[in-house]
Amino acid sequence: MELKRAKQILSSSADIEVKYQDASVWIDEVMEDGQTAVVHLRGPLEERSQVSIADLQEG
């Protein structure tokens, strides 16, 4: 995923599916470095991870 699209998804009110390593995640924050984002799995677990934006896939 590109940085611009990650920021668009983060600011959108729509429910846009994003996947990280075949798991559906929410983007919580795009980091200032422009290379990573903080995400958490959709569902009851709120464990957050910092991952490369390039490893995120839409849909």
PDB file of N, CA and C in Angstrom:
ATOM      1  N   MET A   1       0.852  -1.170   0.000  1.00  0.00           N
ATOM      2  CA  MET A   1       0.000   0.000   0.000  1.00  0.00           C
ATOM      3  C   MET A   1       0.898   1.233   0.000  1.00  0.00           C
ATOM      4  N   GLU A   2       0.414   2.281  -0.600  1.00  0.00           N
ATOM      5  CA  GLU A   2       1.152   3.546  -0.615  1.00  0.00           C
ATOM      6  C   GLU A   2       0.755   4.400   0.594  1.00  0.00           C
ATOM      7  N   LEU A   3       1.666   5.266   1.012  1.00  0.00           N
ATOM      8  CA  LEU A   3       1.442   6.142   2.160  1.00  0.00           C
ATOM      9  C   LEU A   3       0.171   6.965   1.987  1.00  0.00           C
ATOM     10  N   LYS A   4      -0.023   7.555   0.821  1.00  0.00           N
ATOM     11  CA  LYS A   4      -1.193   8.407   0.571  1.00  0.00           C
ATOM     12  C   LYS A   4      -2.495   7.638   0.804  1.00  0.00           C
ATOM     13  N   ARG A   5      -2.551   6.387   0.328  1.00  0.00           N
ATOM     14  CA  ARG A   5      -3.772   5.591   0.483  1.00  0.00           C
ATOM     15  C   ARG A   5      -3.983   5.214   1.949  1.00  0.00           C
ATOM     16  N   ALA A   6      -2.918   4.895   2.659  1.00  0.00           N
ATOM     17  CA  ALA A   6      -3.043   4.573   4.080  1.00  0.00           C
ATOM     18  C   ALA A   6      -3.628   5.755   4.845  1.00  0.00           C
ATOM     19  N   LYS A   7      -3.176   6.961   4.530  1.00  0.00           N
ATOM     20  CA  LYS A   7      -3.712   8.161   5.184  1.00  0.00           C
ATOM     21  C   LYS A   7      -5.174   8.376   4.821  1.00  0.00           C
ATOM     22  N   GLN A   8      -5.550   8.108   3.562  1.00  0.00           N
ATOM     23  CA  GLN A   8      -6.948   8.257   3.141  1.00  0.00           C
ATOM     24  C   GLN A   8      -7.844   7.291   3.918  1.00  0.00           C
ATOM     25  N   ILE A   9      -7.394   6.048   4.047  1.00  0.00           N
ATOM     26  CA  ILE A   9      -8.179   5.040   4.773  1.00  0.00           C
ATOM     27  C   ILE A   9      -8.309   5.436   6.238  1.00  0.00           C
ATOM     28  N   LEU A  10      -7.228   5.896   6.833  1.00  0.00           N
ATOM     29  CA  LEU A  10      -7.246   6.303   8.241  1.00  0.00           C
ATOM     30  C   LEU A  10      -8.247   7.426   8.488  1.00  0.00           C
ATOM     31  N   SER A  11      -8.341   8.377   7.577  1.00  0.00           N
ATOM     32  CA  SER A  11      -9.228   9.525   7.774  1.00  0.00           C
ATOM     33  C   SER A  11     -10.656   9.280   7.283  1.00  0.00           C
ATOM     34  N   SER A  12     -10.898   8.163   6.621  1.00  0.00           N
ATOM     35  CA  SER A  12     -12.218   7.863   6.076  1.00  0.00           C
ATOM     36  C   SER A  12     -13.166   7.355   7.155  1.00  0.00           C
ATOM     37  N   SER A  13     -14.439   7.704   7.020  1.00  0.00           N
ATOM     38  CA  SER A  13     -15.456   7.177   7.939  1.00  0.00           C
ATOM     39  C   SER A  13     -15.997   5.839   7.447  1.00  0.00           C
ATOM     40  N   ALA A  14     -15.634   5.452   6.227  1.00  0.00           N
ATOM     41  CA  ALA A  14     -16.089   4.184   5.655  1.00  0.00           C
ATOM     42  C   ALA A  14     -15.329   3.014   6.270  1.00  0.00           C
ATOM     43  N   ASP A  15     -15.938   1.840   6.228  1.00  0.00           N
ATOM     44  CA  ASP A  15     -15.308   0.608   6.715  1.00  0.00           C
ATOM     45  C   ASP A  15     -14.549  -0.021   5.545  1.00  0.00           C
ATOM     46  N   ILE A  16     -13.274   0.287   5.445  1.00  0.00           N
ATOM     47  CA  ILE A  16     -12.446  -0.183   4.339  1.00  0.00           C
ATOM     48  C   ILE A  16     -11.568  -1.317   4.851  1.00  0.00           C
ATOM     49  N   GLU A  17     -11.687  -2.483   4.212  1.00  0.00           N
ATOM     50  CA  GLU A  17     -10.921  -3.638   4.672  1.00  0.00           C
ATOM     51  C   GLU A  17      -9.451  -3.497   4.293  1.00  0.00           C
ATOM     52  N   VAL A  18      -8.597  -3.713   5.290  1.00  0.00           N
ATOM     53  CA  VAL A  18      -7.148  -3.690   5.097  1.00  0.00           C
ATOM     54  C   VAL A  18      -6.608  -4.993   5.664  1.00  0.00           C
ATOM     55  N   LYS A  19      -5.673  -5.597   4.948  1.00  0.00           N
ATOM     56  CA  LYS A  19      -5.087  -6.859   5.407  1.00  0.00           C
ATOM     57  C   LYS A  19      -3.591  -6.710   5.622  1.00  0.00           C
ATOM     58  N   TYR A  20      -3.122  -7.403   6.661  1.00  0.00           N
ATOM     59  CA  TYR A  20      -1.692  -7.526   6.942  1.00  0.00           C
ATOM     60  C   TYR A  20      -1.420  -8.999   7.161  1.00  0.00           C
ATOM     61  N   GLN A  21      -0.607  -9.588   6.310  1.00  0.00           N
ATOM     62  CA  GLN A  21      -0.294 -11.023   6.374  1.00  0.00           C
ATOM     63  C   GLN A  21      -1.567 -11.859   6.457  1.00  0.00           C
ATOM     64  N   ASP A  22      -2.517 -11.585   5.566  1.00  0.00           N
ATOM     65  CA  ASP A  22      -3.791 -12.299   5.447  1.00  0.00           C
ATOM     66  C   ASP A  22      -4.740 -12.113   6.632  1.00  0.00           C
ATOM     67  N   ALA A  23      -4.424 -11.215   7.557  1.00  0.00           N
ATOM     68  CA  ALA A  23      -5.319 -10.926   8.680  1.00  0.00           C
ATOM     69  C   ALA A  23      -5.937  -9.548   8.470  1.00  0.00           C
ATOM     70  N   SER A  24      -7.225  -9.422   8.759  1.00  0.00           N
ATOM     71  CA  SER A  24      -7.931  -8.156   8.617  1.00  0.00           C
ATOM     72  C   SER A  24      -7.578  -7.249   9.798  1.00  0.00           C
ATOM     73  N   VAL A  25      -7.127  -6.023   9.498  1.00  0.00           N
ATOM     74  CA  VAL A  25      -6.673  -5.098  10.539  1.00  0.00           C
ATOM     75  C   VAL A  25      -7.291  -3.712  10.368  1.00  0.00           C
ATOM     76  N   TRP A  26      -7.247  -2.943  11.447  1.00  0.00           N
ATOM     77  CA  TRP A  26      -7.588  -1.521  11.434  1.00  0.00           C
ATOM     78  C   TRP A  26      -6.288  -0.734  11.477  1.00  0.00           C
ATOM     79  N   ILE A  27      -6.222   0.353  10.729  1.00  0.00           N
ATOM     80  CA  ILE A  27      -5.084   1.261  10.819  1.00  0.00           C
ATOM     81  C   ILE A  27      -5.397   2.268  11.917  1.00  0.00           C
ATOM     82  N   ASP A  28      -4.553   2.331  12.946  1.00  0.00           N
ATOM     83  CA  ASP A  28      -4.749   3.252  14.065  1.00  0.00           C
ATOM     84  C   ASP A  28      -4.006   4.563  13.871  1.00  0.00           C
ATOM     85  N   GLU A  29      -2.841   4.463  13.235  1.00  0.00           N
ATOM     86  CA  GLU A  29      -1.991   5.651  13.118  1.00  0.00           C
ATOM     87  C   GLU A  29      -0.963   5.423  12.022  1.00  0.00           C
ATOM     88  N   VAL A  30      -0.690   6.477  11.254  1.00  0.00           N
ATOM     89  CA  VAL A  30       0.421   6.463  10.311  1.00  0.00           C
ATOM     90  C   VAL A  30       1.559   7.218  10.979  1.00  0.00           C
ATOM     91  N   MET A  31       2.701   6.582  11.103  1.00  0.00           N
ATOM     92  CA  MET A  31       3.828   7.161  11.819  1.00  0.00           C
ATOM     93  C   MET A  31       4.479   8.281  11.011  1.00  0.00           C
ATOM     94  N   GLU A  32       5.165   9.181  11.711  1.00  0.00           N
ATOM     95  CA  GLU A  32       5.787  10.343  11.076  1.00  0.00           C
ATOM     96  C   GLU A  32       6.865   9.966  10.074  1.00  0.00           C
ATOM     97  N   ASP A  33       7.445   8.776  10.228  1.00  0.00           N
ATOM     98  CA  ASP A  33       8.500   8.364   9.290  1.00  0.00           C
ATOM     99  C   ASP A  33       7.959   8.099   7.890  1.00  0.00           C
ATOM    100  N   GLY A  34       6.631   7.979   7.761  1.00  0.00           N
ATOM    101  CA  GLY A  34       6.015   7.746   6.458  1.00  0.00           C
ATOM    102  C   GLY A  34       6.220   6.344   5.921  1.00  0.00           C
ATOM    103  N   GLN A  35       6.819   5.477   6.714  1.00  0.00           N
ATOM    104  CA  GLN A  35       7.106   4.115   6.284  1.00  0.00           C
ATOM    105  C   GLN A  35       6.310   3.056   7.043  1.00  0.00           C
ATOM    106  N   THR A  36       5.844   3.421   8.242  1.00  0.00           N
ATOM    107  CA  THR A  36       5.167   2.447   9.093  1.00  0.00           C
ATOM    108  C   THR A  36       3.828   2.972   9.604  1.00  0.00           C
ATOM    109  N   ALA A  37       3.002   2.021  10.041  1.00  0.00           N
ATOM    110  CA  ALA A  37       1.695   2.348  10.604  1.00  0.00           C
ATOM    111  C   ALA A  37       1.457   1.457  11.814  1.00  0.00           C
ATOM    112  N   VAL A  38       0.658   1.952  12.750  1.00  0.00           N
ATOM    113  CA  VAL A  38       0.233   1.149  13.894  1.00  0.00           C
ATOM    114  C   VAL A  38      -1.124   0.562  13.525  1.00  0.00           C
ATOM    115  N   VAL A  39      -1.254  -0.760  13.657  1.00  0.00           N
ATOM    116  CA  VAL A  39      -2.497  -1.458  13.312  1.00  0.00           C
ATOM    117  C   VAL A  39      -2.890  -2.385  14.451  1.00  0.00           C
ATOM    118  N   HIS A  40      -4.167  -2.788  14.455  1.00  0.00           N
ATOM    119  CA  HIS A  40      -4.606  -3.858  15.352  1.00  0.00           C
ATOM    120  C   HIS A  40      -5.604  -4.735  14.616  1.00  0.00           C
ATOM    121  N   LEU A  41      -5.676  -5.992  15.035  1.00  0.00           N
ATOM    122  CA  LEU A  41      -6.587  -6.948  14.409  1.00  0.00           C
ATOM    123  C   LEU A  41      -8.028  -6.532  14.635  1.00  0.00           C
ATOM    124  N   ARG A  42      -8.862  -6.768  13.645  1.00  0.00           N
ATOM    125  CA  ARG A  42     -10.295  -6.554  13.831  1.00  0.00           C
ATOM    126  C   ARG A  42     -10.794  -7.622  14.787  1.00  0.00           C
ATOM    127  N   GLY A  43     -11.609  -7.238  15.738  1.00  0.00           N
ATOM    128  CA  GLY A  43     -12.130  -8.205  16.690  1.00  0.00           C
ATOM    129  C   GLY A  43     -11.846  -7.786  18.117  1.00  0.00           C
ATOM    130  N   PRO A  44     -12.008  -8.726  19.052  1.00  0.00           N
ATOM    131  CA  PRO A  44     -11.914  -8.381  20.473  1.00  0.00           C
ATOM    132  C   PRO A  44     -10.508  -8.038  20.953  1.00  0.00           C
ATOM    133  N   LEU A  45      -9.483  -8.552  20.289  1.00  0.00           N
ATOM    134  CA  LEU A  45      -8.119  -8.272  20.735  1.00  0.00           C
ATOM    135  C   LEU A  45      -7.675  -6.906  20.257  1.00  0.00           C
ATOM    136  N   GLU A  46      -7.126  -6.132  21.160  1.00  0.00           N
ATOM    137  CA  GLU A  46      -6.711  -4.764  20.826  1.00  0.00           C
ATOM    138  C   GLU A  46      -5.192  -4.619  20.779  1.00  0.00           C
ATOM    139  N   GLU A  47      -4.479  -5.738  20.663  1.00  0.00           N
ATOM    140  CA  GLU A  47      -3.022  -5.670  20.616  1.00  0.00           C
ATOM    141  C   GLU A  47      -2.586  -4.932  19.354  1.00  0.00           C
ATOM    142  N   ARG A  48      -1.747  -3.922  19.551  1.00  0.00           N
ATOM    143  CA  ARG A  48      -1.309  -3.099  18.431  1.00  0.00           C
ATOM    144  C   ARG A  48       0.106  -3.466  18.008  1.00  0.00           C
ATOM    145  N   SER A  49       0.372  -3.341  16.717  1.00  0.00           N
ATOM    146  CA  SER A  49       1.691  -3.629  16.162  1.00  0.00           C
ATOM    147  C   SER A  49       2.072  -2.523  15.202  1.00  0.00           C
ATOM    148  N   GLN A  50       3.356  -2.223  15.136  1.00  0.00           N
ATOM    149  CA  GLN A  50       3.857  -1.270  14.150  1.00  0.00           C
ATOM    150  C   GLN A  50       4.392  -2.069  12.974  1.00  0.00           C
ATOM    151  N   VAL A  51       3.830  -1.813  11.777  1.00  0.00           N
ATOM    152  CA  VAL A  51       4.162  -2.590  10.588  1.00  0.00           C
ATOM    153  C   VAL A  51       4.515  -1.670   9.438  1.00  0.00           C
ATOM    154  N   SER A  52       5.158  -2.226   8.441  1.00  0.00           N
ATOM    155  CA  SER A  52       5.493  -1.462   7.247  1.00  0.00           C
ATOM    156  C   SER A  52       4.228  -1.202   6.435  1.00  0.00           C
ATOM    157  N   ILE A  53       4.026   0.033   5.993  1.00  0.00           N
ATOM    158  CA  ILE A  53       2.872   0.378   5.163  1.00  0.00           C
ATOM    159  C   ILE A  53       2.889  -0.435   3.874  1.00  0.00           C
ATOM    160  N   ALA A  54       4.073  -0.707   3.363  1.00  0.00           N
ATOM    161  CA  ALA A  54       4.217  -1.478   2.116  1.00  0.00           C
ATOM    162  C   ALA A  54       3.644  -2.890   2.262  1.00  0.00           C
ATOM    163  N   ASP A  55       3.571  -3.402   3.497  1.00  0.00           N
ATOM    164  CA  ASP A  55       3.046  -4.761   3.736  1.00  0.00           C
ATOM    165  C   ASP A  55       1.529  -4.802   3.897  1.00  0.00           C
ATOM    166  N   LEU A  56       0.871  -3.647   3.898  1.00  0.00           N
ATOM    167  CA  LEU A  56      -0.585  -3.589   4.009  1.00  0.00           C
ATOM    168  C   LEU A  56      -1.216  -3.709   2.623  1.00  0.00           C
ATOM    169  N   GLN A  57      -2.360  -4.399   2.570  1.00  0.00           N
ATOM    170  CA  GLN A  57      -3.085  -4.552   1.313  1.00  0.00           C
ATOM    171  C   GLN A  57      -4.544  -4.178   1.538  1.00  0.00           C
ATOM    172  N   GLU A  58      -5.103  -3.454   0.588  1.00  0.00           N
ATOM    173  CA  GLU A  58      -6.520  -3.094   0.667  1.00  0.00           C
ATOM    174  C   GLU A  58      -7.361  -4.228   0.134  1.00  0.00           C
ATOM    175  N   GLY A  59      -8.483  -4.494   0.835  1.00  0.00           N
ATOM    176  CA  GLY A  59      -9.446  -5.477   0.383  1.00  0.00           C
ATOM    177  C   GLY A  59      -8.968  -6.863   0.577  1.00  0.00           C
TER     178      GLY A  59
END
